[in-house]
Amino acid sequence: MELTGAEIAIRCLQEEGVEHVFGYPGGAVLFIYDALFNQEQVKHILVRHEQAAVHAADGYARSTDKVGVALVTSGPGVTNAVTGIATAYMDSIPMVIISGQVPTHAIGEDAFQEVDAVGITRPCVKHNFLVKDVRELAGTIKKAFYLAKSGRPGPVLVDIPKDVSNTRTEFHYPSSVSVRSYNPAQHGDAGQIRQAAQLLLGAKRPMVYAGGGVILSSASQQLAELVRLLGFPCTNTLMGLGGFPATDKLSLGMLGMHGTLEANMAMQHCDVLLAVGARFDDRVIGNVEHFNQEKRKIIHIDIDPSSISKRVKVDVPIVGNVAHVLGDLLEVLRGSKQKREAKVLAPWWAQIEGWRAKNCLVYKNSDEVIKPQFVIEKLYEITHGDAFVTSDVGQHQMWAAQYYKFDKPRRWINSGGLGTMGFGLPAAMGVQLAHPDATVACVTGEGSIQMNIQELSTCRQFHLPIKIIALNNRYLGMVRQWQQFFHGNRYSESYMDALPDFVKLAEAYGHVGISIDKPSDVEPALKEAFARKDKLVFMDFKTDQTENVFPMVPGGKGLSEVILSEEL
């Protein structure tokens, strides 16, 4: 059966079980859009900006464990998508981006809407392809999906020239694919796993440090079994929230720059550290030299060998799929003749409870002005901790991470590594489309939401009842906080003094808008919004302009050099 390249591209998506594609049409992809029109299996979601297409595909992937798919045209279409691609790359999100390209004979001639998509995206993709022969298209797309999902996941770009999309050839979709020199490990080395078990069973001050790899490998159940079997304290990174239940008594909460005191101090002073699907990045351990001052044995489990001993030298490296490695480690621990007694950990837990008793997340509530932490606490109560929560980047992101207790994986959707403002709303669109009956909340700020606020139009077209919680302090809040702490209160370009009326703006797009400026109205407004199951509701909370995020480990400092709110 002969098909055009465009038809082949769509048939490949169908073969991969793709349900939604997020995109924006343009000249170089019109044949592909025509092929989309002539079928019903793959649904296209028309966004209003290509960056939003990739963020929406990203949110879809993070919340489902499926590969997100975006479709953009050549030139500005693909350059607009780069921010979303880089966001997915930094957080290891499986995604396939199909981009249009000028005809093959025009490549390199500075043709209309031509850019070197492969060259531009090379630093921020797991892999990319330029398909110059239609006979290679089906196999290339198969490879793209395989690469995106296997090993350490990531975005893969397939660049298709316009003439290739309009050339016919026989269609055969490969049932499997192999890539020379690419064979990601699945199971860790048995000897290393036994060595890890011995260290864990002999620890007096143990710590489990779990990151986004736990979520990506769907290893939350194995992690919980391990932590509870050993009775060890567990902390999660920003990307790992929900990987271990936040309400469990063994959870110390999030660690890092805005992590809890107990998590950071336990991380710094443990004698055996089990790092699971995490990468010791700068926002987690702070100053590396300070971190290394304390002697500890480190076990590091990760699918990506390049992440092991990249920033911190480890003692027991285990390369493999986190879920498989944890499963094997559990077997070794359960079969071990070396047994632990709870009293061995008693002094360590007493120390941890001493740090925990400082209640580092406490804040002074007010009857006069809305505290942003209070809004998140009420959001948690009203949604019973069961919502999908997306966020943008800034203070609101940290408050959401601190005060919304995630007990399940894939419920917390945020841009961690790249820190992309404008991520929250389009990501929420992807989540809502993936889970049409679920409660989806987007926590944002008045600065971030304006980065992709045009997507309110997409939400209107596709009837997405997202609830937007805008913590509006009339500042670029995290910028202002750093300017206060480290730049002598010189608030250079951080005040948002020309804000729109968000209620009227939401209404102009056909949604519901609510303005809240009194603490007593916070809970009623949230209840009213979430009771409207079929409408997008934009809640504009006028919050305290002076509130800062605590605890805080200043940049370049160590985990134990944390600033608590009462110290300022």
Protein backbone atom coordinates (compact mmCIF):
# COMPACT_ATOMS: atom_id res chain seq x y z
CA MET A 1 0.00 0.00 0.00
CA GLU A 2 1.52 3.31 -1.09
CA LEU A 3 1.04 6.36 1.11
CA THR A 4 2.43 9.88 1.11
CA GLY A 5 5.00 10.81 3.73
CA ALA A 6 2.33 12.84 5.50
CA GLU A 7 -0.01 9.86 5.62
CA ILE A 8 2.85 7.67 6.81
CA ALA A 9 3.59 10.10 9.66
CA ILE A 10 -0.01 9.91 10.86
CA ARG A 11 -0.17 6.13 10.43
CA CYS A 12 2.97 5.85 12.58
CA LEU A 13 1.29 7.86 15.32
CA GLN A 14 -1.71 5.57 15.11
CA GLU A 15 0.54 2.50 15.36
CA GLU A 16 2.13 3.99 18.50
CA GLY A 17 -1.30 4.45 20.07
CA VAL A 18 -1.05 8.24 20.13
CA GLU A 19 -4.36 9.83 21.10
CA HIS A 20 -3.52 13.54 21.15
CA VAL A 21 -1.11 15.69 19.16
CA PHE A 22 -0.51 19.29 20.19
CA GLY A 23 0.41 21.65 17.42
CA TYR A 24 0.06 24.67 15.18
CA PRO A 25 -0.11 24.51 11.37
CA GLY A 26 2.10 26.23 8.84
CA GLY A 27 3.23 25.90 5.26
CA ALA A 28 5.82 23.16 5.72
CA VAL A 29 3.40 20.82 7.50
CA LEU A 30 0.20 21.40 5.54
CA PHE A 31 0.36 17.95 3.93
CA ILE A 32 0.61 16.42 7.40
CA TYR A 33 -2.35 18.48 8.58
CA ASP A 34 -4.29 17.33 5.54
CA ALA A 35 -3.57 13.73 6.52
CA LEU A 36 -4.75 14.51 10.06
CA PHE A 37 -8.00 15.85 8.65
CA ASN A 38 -8.70 12.59 6.83
CA GLN A 39 -8.68 10.38 9.93
CA GLU A 40 -10.27 10.38 13.39
CA GLN A 41 -8.06 8.22 15.57
CA VAL A 42 -5.44 10.88 16.41
CA LYS A 43 -6.97 14.05 17.83
CA HIS A 44 -5.20 17.33 17.18
CA ILE A 45 -5.21 20.08 19.82
CA LEU A 46 -4.73 23.51 18.28
CA VAL A 47 -2.70 25.68 20.65
CA ARG A 48 -2.09 29.41 20.19
CA HIS A 49 1.71 29.27 20.35
CA GLU A 50 4.21 26.51 19.58
CA GLN A 51 5.87 26.79 22.99
CA ALA A 52 2.51 25.87 24.50
CA ALA A 53 2.21 22.87 22.16
CA VAL A 54 5.37 21.34 23.56
CA HIS A 55 4.50 22.21 27.18
CA ALA A 56 1.07 20.62 26.72
CA ALA A 57 2.63 17.48 25.29
CA ASP A 58 5.04 17.58 28.23
CA GLY A 59 2.23 17.77 30.80
CA TYR A 60 0.44 14.95 28.99
CA ALA A 61 3.57 12.78 29.19
CA ARG A 62 4.41 13.54 32.82
CA SER A 63 0.92 12.67 34.01
CA THR A 64 0.48 9.46 31.98
CA ASP A 65 3.82 7.70 31.43
CA LYS A 66 3.14 7.98 27.69
CA VAL A 67 5.14 9.76 25.00
CA GLY A 68 3.90 13.30 24.38
CA VAL A 69 3.67 14.42 20.75
CA ALA A 70 3.92 17.93 19.29
CA LEU A 71 3.66 19.05 15.67
CA VAL A 72 5.10 22.38 14.48
CA THR A 73 6.03 23.99 11.20
CA SER A 74 9.45 25.09 9.99
CA GLY A 75 11.29 28.32 10.85
CA PRO A 76 9.61 30.23 13.67
CA GLY A 77 7.42 27.21 14.37
CA VAL A 78 10.34 25.09 15.48
CA THR A 79 12.26 27.96 17.11
CA ASN A 80 9.17 28.81 19.17
CA ALA A 81 9.15 25.18 20.29
CA VAL A 82 12.76 25.15 21.52
CA THR A 83 11.93 26.39 25.04
CA GLY A 84 9.46 23.56 25.50
CA ILE A 85 11.92 21.04 24.08
CA ALA A 86 14.67 22.24 26.44
CA THR A 87 12.23 22.05 29.36
CA ALA A 88 11.46 18.41 28.57
CA TYR A 89 15.14 17.63 28.04
CA MET A 90 16.20 18.99 31.42
CA ASP A 91 13.52 16.95 33.20
CA SER A 92 13.94 13.77 31.07
CA ILE A 93 10.39 13.77 29.67
CA PRO A 94 9.58 11.35 26.82
CA MET A 95 8.41 13.32 23.80
CA VAL A 96 8.45 13.22 20.01
CA ILE A 97 8.38 16.55 18.19
CA ILE A 98 7.59 16.45 14.47
CA SER A 99 8.71 19.60 12.69
CA GLY A 100 8.23 20.65 9.10
CA GLN A 101 11.20 21.68 6.96
CA VAL A 102 11.58 23.42 3.62
CA PRO A 103 11.85 21.08 0.59
CA THR A 104 15.08 19.09 0.43
CA HIS A 105 16.32 20.94 -2.68
CA ALA A 106 15.98 24.26 -0.81
CA ILE A 107 17.80 23.25 2.37
CA GLY A 108 20.82 25.47 2.86
CA GLU A 109 19.57 28.19 0.51
CA ASP A 110 18.01 30.42 3.20
CA ALA A 111 14.57 29.56 1.88
CA PHE A 112 11.45 31.13 3.34
CA GLN A 113 10.96 29.93 6.92
CA GLU A 114 14.11 27.81 6.88
CA VAL A 115 16.18 27.17 10.00
CA ASP A 116 18.58 24.37 10.80
CA ALA A 117 16.21 22.56 13.15
CA VAL A 118 18.63 19.70 13.75
CA GLY A 119 21.50 22.06 14.59
CA ILE A 120 19.41 24.37 16.76
CA THR A 121 17.89 21.57 18.84
CA ARG A 122 20.95 19.30 19.09
CA PRO A 123 22.00 20.56 22.56
CA CYS A 124 18.52 20.06 24.05
CA VAL A 125 17.24 16.78 22.61
CA LYS A 126 18.06 13.17 23.34
CA HIS A 127 18.38 12.70 19.57
CA ASN A 128 17.11 14.25 16.35
CA PHE A 129 16.63 13.26 12.73
CA LEU A 130 16.35 15.01 9.35
CA VAL A 131 14.44 12.65 7.04
CA LYS A 132 15.47 13.19 3.41
CA ASP A 133 14.04 9.97 1.99
CA VAL A 134 10.38 9.06 2.46
CA ARG A 135 11.34 5.38 2.52
CA GLU A 136 13.13 6.00 5.82
CA LEU A 137 10.30 7.91 7.47
CA ALA A 138 8.39 5.08 9.16
CA GLY A 139 11.55 3.50 10.57
CA THR A 140 12.77 6.89 11.79
CA ILE A 141 9.55 7.64 13.64
CA LYS A 142 9.68 4.16 15.22
CA LYS A 143 13.22 4.92 16.41
CA ALA A 144 12.09 8.30 17.72
CA PHE A 145 9.45 6.77 19.98
CA TYR A 146 11.85 4.05 21.13
CA LEU A 147 14.58 6.54 21.99
CA ALA A 148 12.17 8.95 23.69
CA LYS A 149 10.81 6.30 26.08
CA SER A 150 13.70 3.91 26.73
CA GLY A 151 16.65 4.38 29.05
CA ARG A 152 16.74 7.89 30.41
CA PRO A 153 13.72 9.42 28.62
CA GLY A 154 13.88 12.64 26.66
CA PRO A 155 12.59 14.60 23.66
CA VAL A 156 13.39 13.42 20.12
CA LEU A 157 12.87 15.67 17.09
CA VAL A 158 11.96 14.39 13.61
CA ASP A 159 12.41 17.06 10.93
CA ILE A 160 10.42 16.31 7.74
CA PRO A 161 10.98 18.36 4.54
CA LYS A 162 7.80 19.36 2.75
CA ASP A 163 8.56 17.34 -0.38
CA VAL A 164 9.16 14.21 1.70
CA SER A 165 5.71 14.61 3.25
CA ASN A 166 4.20 14.67 -0.28
CA THR A 167 6.16 11.78 -1.81
CA ARG A 168 4.63 8.30 -1.99
CA THR A 169 6.13 4.98 -0.97
CA GLU A 170 5.02 1.66 0.44
CA PHE A 171 4.16 1.76 4.13
CA HIS A 172 5.65 -0.80 6.49
CA TYR A 173 5.83 0.00 10.19
CA PRO A 174 8.56 -1.95 11.99
CA SER A 175 7.38 -4.15 14.84
CA SER A 176 10.62 -3.51 16.72
CA VAL A 177 13.72 -1.41 16.44
CA SER A 178 17.32 -1.55 17.55
CA VAL A 179 19.86 1.24 17.57
CA ARG A 180 23.52 0.32 17.30
CA SER A 181 25.53 1.21 20.41
CA TYR A 182 22.35 2.13 22.31
CA ASN A 183 21.45 -0.58 24.82
CA PRO A 184 20.35 0.99 28.11
CA ALA A 185 20.80 -1.26 31.13
CA GLN A 186 17.69 -2.56 32.85
CA HIS A 187 18.97 -4.58 35.81
CA GLY A 188 21.81 -3.45 38.02
CA ASP A 189 24.94 -5.44 38.78
CA ALA A 190 24.11 -8.17 41.33
CA GLY A 191 27.37 -7.69 43.23
CA GLN A 192 26.84 -3.95 43.56
CA ILE A 193 23.28 -4.55 44.78
CA ARG A 194 24.56 -6.95 47.48
CA GLN A 195 27.16 -4.38 48.51
CA ALA A 196 24.46 -1.72 48.72
CA ALA A 197 22.32 -3.98 50.91
CA GLN A 198 25.23 -4.52 53.31
CA LEU A 199 25.82 -0.79 53.64
CA LEU A 200 22.13 -0.11 54.24
CA LEU A 201 21.82 -2.82 56.88
CA GLY A 202 24.88 -1.50 58.70
CA ALA A 203 23.91 2.17 58.65
CA LYS A 204 23.38 4.12 61.87
CA ARG A 205 22.36 7.41 60.26
CA PRO A 206 20.78 6.37 56.94
CA MET A 207 18.98 8.57 54.44
CA VAL A 208 17.00 7.82 51.26
CA TYR A 209 17.15 10.60 48.67
CA ALA A 210 14.64 10.05 45.85
CA GLY A 211 14.35 12.07 42.66
CA GLY A 212 12.42 12.28 39.43
CA GLY A 213 13.78 8.96 38.23
CA VAL A 214 11.45 7.24 40.69
CA ILE A 215 8.48 8.87 38.96
CA LEU A 216 9.76 8.30 35.42
CA SER A 217 10.40 4.59 36.01
CA SER A 218 7.08 4.09 37.86
CA ALA A 219 9.02 2.84 40.89
CA SER A 220 7.01 4.53 43.66
CA GLN A 221 5.66 1.25 45.02
CA GLN A 222 9.11 -0.33 45.23
CA LEU A 223 10.53 2.78 46.89
CA ALA A 224 7.78 2.80 49.51
CA GLU A 225 8.33 -0.90 50.25
CA LEU A 226 12.07 -0.34 50.67
CA VAL A 227 11.74 2.71 52.92
CA ARG A 228 9.14 1.05 55.15
CA LEU A 229 11.01 -2.24 55.32
CA LEU A 230 14.12 -0.46 56.57
CA GLY A 231 12.37 2.25 58.58
CA PHE A 232 14.65 4.89 57.05
CA PRO A 233 13.91 8.58 56.62
CA CYS A 234 13.13 9.56 53.03
CA THR A 235 13.33 12.90 51.25
CA ASN A 236 12.18 13.81 47.75
CA THR A 237 13.51 16.35 45.30
CA LEU A 238 11.24 18.88 43.63
CA MET A 239 10.94 16.51 40.67
CA GLY A 240 10.41 13.50 42.92
CA LEU A 241 7.45 14.78 44.94
CA GLY A 242 4.81 12.07 45.16
CA GLY A 243 7.40 9.34 44.61
CA PHE A 244 7.08 8.63 48.33
CA PRO A 245 3.90 9.70 50.16
CA ALA A 246 4.37 13.12 51.77
CA THR A 247 1.99 12.23 54.62
CA ASP A 248 3.98 9.13 55.61
CA LYS A 249 5.72 9.51 58.97
CA LEU A 250 9.02 8.45 57.34
CA SER A 251 8.88 11.37 54.89
CA LEU A 252 11.01 14.40 55.70
CA GLY A 253 9.51 16.40 52.84
CA MET A 254 11.38 18.11 50.05
CA LEU A 255 15.08 18.92 50.34
CA GLY A 256 17.27 21.50 48.69
CA MET A 257 17.27 25.27 48.35
CA HIS A 258 13.73 25.57 49.71
CA GLY A 259 13.55 22.18 51.38
CA THR A 260 12.71 21.44 54.98
CA LEU A 261 15.28 21.83 57.72
CA GLU A 262 14.96 18.18 58.73
CA ALA A 263 15.50 16.93 55.16
CA ASN A 264 18.53 19.13 54.54
CA MET A 265 20.18 18.42 57.88
CA ALA A 266 19.60 14.68 57.61
CA MET A 267 20.99 14.74 54.08
CA GLN A 268 24.09 16.57 55.28
CA HIS A 269 24.77 14.44 58.38
CA CYS A 270 23.80 10.90 57.32
CA ASP A 271 26.41 8.13 57.27
CA VAL A 272 24.87 6.08 54.43
CA LEU A 273 22.98 7.79 51.62
CA LEU A 274 20.85 5.92 49.11
CA ALA A 275 20.28 8.17 46.06
CA VAL A 276 17.52 6.85 43.81
CA GLY A 277 16.91 8.41 40.40
CA ALA A 278 18.40 11.75 41.42
CA ARG A 279 21.42 13.68 40.18
CA PHE A 280 22.81 15.77 43.07
CA ASP A 281 22.11 19.03 41.23
CA ASP A 282 23.02 22.44 42.57
CA ARG A 283 19.54 23.26 43.84
CA VAL A 284 19.50 20.03 45.89
CA ILE A 285 22.87 19.81 47.65
CA GLY A 286 24.05 23.39 47.34
CA ASN A 287 27.82 23.83 47.61
CA VAL A 288 29.54 20.54 46.69
CA GLU A 289 32.62 21.19 48.84
CA HIS A 290 30.42 21.88 51.86
CA PHE A 291 28.42 18.72 51.16
CA ASN A 292 31.61 16.65 50.98
CA GLN A 293 32.83 17.89 54.38
CA GLU A 294 30.75 15.18 56.02
CA LYS A 295 32.00 11.66 55.37
CA ARG A 296 29.34 9.25 54.21
CA LYS A 297 28.96 6.21 52.00
CA ILE A 298 26.85 6.91 48.92
CA ILE A 299 24.86 4.38 46.90
CA HIS A 300 23.55 5.82 43.62
CA ILE A 301 20.92 4.10 41.46
CA ASP A 302 20.32 5.65 38.04
CA ILE A 303 19.50 4.57 34.49
CA ASP A 304 22.01 7.07 33.10
CA PRO A 305 25.66 6.19 33.86
CA SER A 306 26.74 9.74 33.01
CA SER A 307 24.74 11.04 35.99
CA ILE A 308 26.66 8.89 38.46
CA SER A 309 29.67 10.59 40.10
CA LYS A 310 29.04 13.61 37.87
CA ARG A 311 28.95 16.12 40.74
CA VAL A 312 29.50 13.94 43.80
CA LYS A 313 31.75 10.85 43.91
CA VAL A 314 29.77 7.79 44.95
CA ASP A 315 30.91 4.54 46.55
CA VAL A 316 28.43 2.05 45.08
CA PRO A 317 27.21 2.95 41.57
CA ILE A 318 24.29 0.89 40.26
CA VAL A 319 23.25 1.51 36.66
CA GLY A 320 19.79 0.26 35.75
CA ASN A 321 16.09 0.91 35.66
CA VAL A 322 15.14 2.20 39.11
CA ALA A 323 12.08 -0.03 39.45
CA HIS A 324 14.06 -3.16 38.54
CA VAL A 325 17.03 -2.29 40.76
CA LEU A 326 14.84 -1.52 43.76
CA GLY A 327 12.98 -4.78 43.20
CA ASP A 328 16.25 -6.72 43.19
CA LEU A 329 17.52 -4.81 46.22
CA LEU A 330 14.33 -5.65 48.12
CA GLU A 331 14.85 -9.34 47.40
CA VAL A 332 18.40 -9.21 48.75
CA LEU A 333 17.34 -7.33 51.88
CA ARG A 334 14.46 -9.69 52.64
CA GLY A 335 16.68 -12.71 52.17
CA SER A 336 19.57 -11.36 54.21
CA LYS A 337 20.56 -13.07 57.45
CA GLN A 338 21.75 -9.70 58.74
CA LYS A 339 18.79 -8.17 60.55
CA ARG A 340 18.31 -4.67 61.87
CA GLU A 341 17.00 -3.71 65.26
CA ALA A 342 14.88 -0.58 65.51
CA LYS A 343 16.90 0.66 68.49
CA VAL A 344 19.94 1.14 66.25
CA LEU A 345 18.16 3.99 64.48
CA ALA A 346 16.58 5.47 67.63
CA PRO A 347 19.29 8.13 68.24
CA TRP A 348 19.17 9.16 64.57
CA TRP A 349 15.41 9.51 64.58
CA ALA A 350 15.62 11.48 67.84
CA GLN A 351 17.99 13.91 66.12
CA ILE A 352 15.68 14.17 63.12
CA GLU A 353 12.67 14.82 65.33
CA GLY A 354 14.65 17.61 66.99
CA TRP A 355 15.12 19.29 63.61
CA ARG A 356 11.50 18.60 62.68
CA ALA A 357 10.30 20.20 65.92
CA LYS A 358 11.53 23.58 64.70
CA ASN A 359 8.54 23.50 62.30
CA CYS A 360 10.46 25.26 59.55
CA LEU A 361 7.38 25.77 57.36
CA VAL A 362 5.47 27.74 59.97
CA TYR A 363 4.34 31.20 58.87
CA LYS A 364 2.43 34.07 60.43
CA ASN A 365 -1.07 34.04 59.08
CA SER A 366 -3.10 37.21 58.86
CA ASP A 367 -6.70 38.37 58.99
CA GLU A 368 -5.83 41.43 56.94
CA VAL A 369 -3.84 40.20 53.95
CA ILE A 370 -3.86 36.88 52.10
CA LYS A 371 -0.81 34.75 52.77
CA PRO A 372 0.12 32.60 49.74
CA GLN A 373 0.91 29.61 51.96
CA PHE A 374 -2.63 29.78 53.32
CA VAL A 375 -4.06 29.57 49.79
CA ILE A 376 -2.08 26.40 49.04
CA GLU A 377 -3.08 24.83 52.35
CA LYS A 378 -6.74 25.47 51.56
CA LEU A 379 -6.25 24.17 48.02
CA TYR A 380 -4.92 20.94 49.52
CA GLU A 381 -7.85 20.66 51.92
CA ILE A 382 -10.55 21.34 49.35
CA THR A 383 -9.09 18.95 46.75
CA HIS A 384 -8.35 16.34 49.46
CA GLY A 385 -4.79 16.15 48.17
CA ASP A 386 -6.00 14.33 45.08
CA ALA A 387 -5.69 16.95 42.34
CA PHE A 388 -3.20 17.14 39.51
CA VAL A 389 -1.28 20.32 40.26
CA THR A 390 0.78 22.11 37.63
CA SER A 391 2.83 25.17 38.38
CA ASP A 392 4.81 27.88 36.74
CA VAL A 393 8.16 28.97 38.17
CA GLY A 394 8.86 31.22 41.12
CA GLN A 395 7.72 31.66 44.69
CA HIS A 396 4.31 30.16 43.98
CA GLN A 397 6.02 27.00 42.68
CA MET A 398 7.95 26.57 45.91
CA TRP A 399 4.92 27.22 48.11
CA ALA A 400 2.95 24.62 46.15
CA ALA A 401 5.79 22.13 46.56
CA GLN A 402 6.03 22.83 50.30
CA TYR A 403 2.38 22.99 51.34
CA TYR A 404 0.56 20.62 48.98
CA LYS A 405 1.26 17.11 50.28
CA PHE A 406 1.62 14.82 47.27
CA ASP A 407 0.98 11.20 48.15
CA LYS A 408 0.80 9.89 44.59
CA PRO A 409 3.25 10.04 41.69
CA ARG A 410 2.56 12.03 38.50
CA ARG A 411 0.29 14.50 40.33
CA TRP A 412 2.90 17.28 40.61
CA ILE A 413 3.72 18.72 37.17
CA ASN A 414 6.33 21.47 37.09
CA SER A 415 9.42 22.63 35.23
CA GLY A 416 12.34 21.73 37.47
CA GLY A 417 15.62 21.79 35.60
CA LEU A 418 15.01 24.66 33.18
CA GLY A 419 12.65 26.66 35.41
CA THR A 420 10.37 27.75 32.58
CA MET A 421 7.86 30.52 33.21
CA GLY A 422 4.78 29.97 31.07
CA PHE A 423 4.82 26.20 31.62
CA GLY A 424 1.89 25.88 34.02
CA LEU A 425 -1.22 26.61 31.93
CA PRO A 426 -0.31 24.64 28.78
CA ALA A 427 0.95 21.76 30.91
CA ALA A 428 -2.41 21.76 32.68
CA MET A 429 -4.10 21.52 29.28
CA GLY A 430 -2.14 18.37 28.51
CA VAL A 431 -2.97 16.90 31.91
CA GLN A 432 -6.68 17.69 31.58
CA LEU A 433 -6.87 16.12 28.13
CA ALA A 434 -5.11 13.01 29.42
CA HIS A 435 -7.42 12.84 32.46
CA PRO A 436 -10.72 14.43 31.39
CA ASP A 437 -12.55 13.59 34.63
CA ALA A 438 -9.75 14.61 36.99
CA THR A 439 -9.37 17.80 39.01
CA VAL A 440 -6.56 19.88 37.51
CA ALA A 441 -5.23 22.99 39.23
CA CYS A 442 -2.64 25.39 37.84
CA VAL A 443 -0.75 27.33 40.51
CA THR A 444 0.84 30.37 38.95
CA GLY A 445 1.90 33.96 39.46
CA GLU A 446 0.80 37.13 37.72
CA GLY A 447 4.13 37.22 35.89
CA SER A 448 4.29 33.60 34.74
CA ILE A 449 0.67 33.35 33.61
CA GLN A 450 1.17 36.15 31.10
CA MET A 451 3.89 34.17 29.30
CA ASN A 452 1.28 31.88 27.71
CA ILE A 453 -2.02 33.43 28.71
CA GLN A 454 -3.24 33.16 25.12
CA GLU A 455 -3.85 29.48 25.85
CA LEU A 456 -7.05 30.51 27.60
CA SER A 457 -8.37 30.47 24.04
CA THR A 458 -7.32 26.83 23.61
CA CYS A 459 -8.99 25.98 26.90
CA ARG A 460 -12.18 27.59 25.62
CA GLN A 461 -12.13 25.72 22.31
CA PHE A 462 -11.57 22.32 23.89
CA HIS A 463 -13.71 22.89 27.02
CA LEU A 464 -10.92 22.32 29.55
CA PRO A 465 -12.22 23.07 33.08
CA ILE A 466 -8.83 23.90 34.61
CA LYS A 467 -8.78 25.85 37.85
CA ILE A 468 -6.14 28.61 37.83
CA ILE A 469 -4.83 29.75 41.22
CA ALA A 470 -2.88 32.95 40.59
CA LEU A 471 -0.90 34.12 43.64
CA ASN A 472 -0.75 37.76 42.62
CA ASN A 473 1.70 39.78 44.71
CA ARG A 474 2.27 42.40 41.98
CA TYR A 475 5.96 41.44 41.81
CA LEU A 476 8.15 38.95 40.04
CA GLY A 477 8.26 37.38 43.46
CA MET A 478 11.37 35.22 43.43
CA VAL A 479 13.31 37.95 41.65
CA ARG A 480 12.17 40.42 44.31
CA GLN A 481 13.17 38.00 47.10
CA TRP A 482 16.69 37.63 45.75
CA GLN A 483 16.95 41.38 45.23
CA GLN A 484 15.92 41.88 48.85
CA PHE A 485 18.42 39.34 50.21
CA PHE A 486 21.41 39.82 47.94
CA HIS A 487 21.04 43.12 46.05
CA GLY A 488 20.43 45.67 48.78
CA ASN A 489 16.65 45.95 48.28
CA ARG A 490 17.19 47.33 44.78
CA TYR A 491 14.07 46.04 43.06
CA SER A 492 15.25 46.46 39.48
CA GLU A 493 12.44 45.72 37.00
CA SER A 494 10.66 43.29 39.32
CA TYR A 495 7.51 45.30 40.01
CA MET A 496 4.56 44.50 37.76
CA ASP A 497 2.88 47.90 37.72
CA ALA A 498 0.77 47.48 34.58
CA LEU A 499 -1.19 44.32 35.26
CA PRO A 500 -4.42 43.49 33.45
CA ASP A 501 -7.71 42.91 35.16
CA PHE A 502 -7.46 39.12 35.18
CA VAL A 503 -11.17 38.68 35.91
CA LYS A 504 -12.18 40.67 32.84
CA LEU A 505 -9.48 38.96 30.80
CA ALA A 506 -10.74 35.49 31.78
CA GLU A 507 -14.29 36.57 30.97
CA ALA A 508 -13.17 37.92 27.60
CA TYR A 509 -11.97 34.42 26.74
CA GLY A 510 -15.31 32.98 27.84
CA HIS A 511 -14.28 31.73 31.27
CA VAL A 512 -15.14 32.59 34.88
CA GLY A 513 -12.97 35.05 36.80
CA ILE A 514 -12.91 35.66 40.56
CA SER A 515 -10.91 38.30 42.40
CA ILE A 516 -10.06 37.56 46.03
CA ASP A 517 -8.40 40.10 48.33
CA LYS A 518 -9.58 39.05 51.82
CA PRO A 519 -8.32 36.00 53.75
CA SER A 520 -11.89 35.19 54.77
CA ASP A 521 -12.84 34.81 51.09
CA VAL A 522 -10.09 32.33 50.18
CA GLU A 523 -11.89 29.15 51.16
CA PRO A 524 -15.32 30.16 49.76
CA ALA A 525 -13.74 31.17 46.44
CA LEU A 526 -11.89 27.86 46.12
CA LYS A 527 -15.02 25.89 46.97
CA GLU A 528 -17.05 27.84 44.44
CA ALA A 529 -14.44 27.34 41.73
CA PHE A 530 -14.02 23.59 42.21
CA ALA A 531 -17.78 23.12 42.37
CA ARG A 532 -17.95 24.36 38.76
CA LYS A 533 -16.90 21.11 37.16
CA ASP A 534 -17.44 22.21 33.58
CA LYS A 535 -15.84 25.68 33.60
CA LEU A 536 -12.35 27.08 33.67
CA VAL A 537 -12.14 29.42 36.67
CA PHE A 538 -9.38 31.99 37.00
CA MET A 539 -8.88 32.93 40.68
CA ASP A 540 -6.85 36.10 41.17
CA PHE A 541 -5.63 36.03 44.79
CA LYS A 542 -4.15 39.37 45.88
CA THR A 543 -1.45 38.11 48.24
CA ASP A 544 1.04 39.69 50.65
CA GLN A 545 3.72 41.48 48.63
CA THR A 546 6.38 41.07 51.32
CA GLU A 547 6.13 37.32 51.85
CA ASN A 548 9.26 35.28 51.13
CA VAL A 549 9.90 31.56 50.66
CA PHE A 550 11.52 29.86 53.65
CA PRO A 551 13.58 27.87 54.43
CA MET A 552 16.20 29.06 51.96
CA VAL A 553 19.73 27.87 51.28
CA PRO A 554 21.43 30.82 49.54
CA GLY A 555 23.20 30.10 46.28
CA GLY A 556 26.74 28.83 46.86
CA LYS A 557 26.01 27.83 50.46
CA GLY A 558 25.75 24.37 51.99
CA LEU A 559 22.65 22.50 53.13
CA SER A 560 23.26 23.24 56.80
CA GLU A 561 23.66 26.98 56.10
CA VAL A 562 19.93 27.39 55.74
CA ILE A 563 18.02 30.59 56.48
CA LEU A 564 14.84 30.17 58.51
CA SER A 565 12.09 32.79 58.58
CA GLU A 566 12.66 33.82 62.18
CA GLU A 567 16.31 34.60 61.46
CA LEU A 568 15.48 37.62 59.29
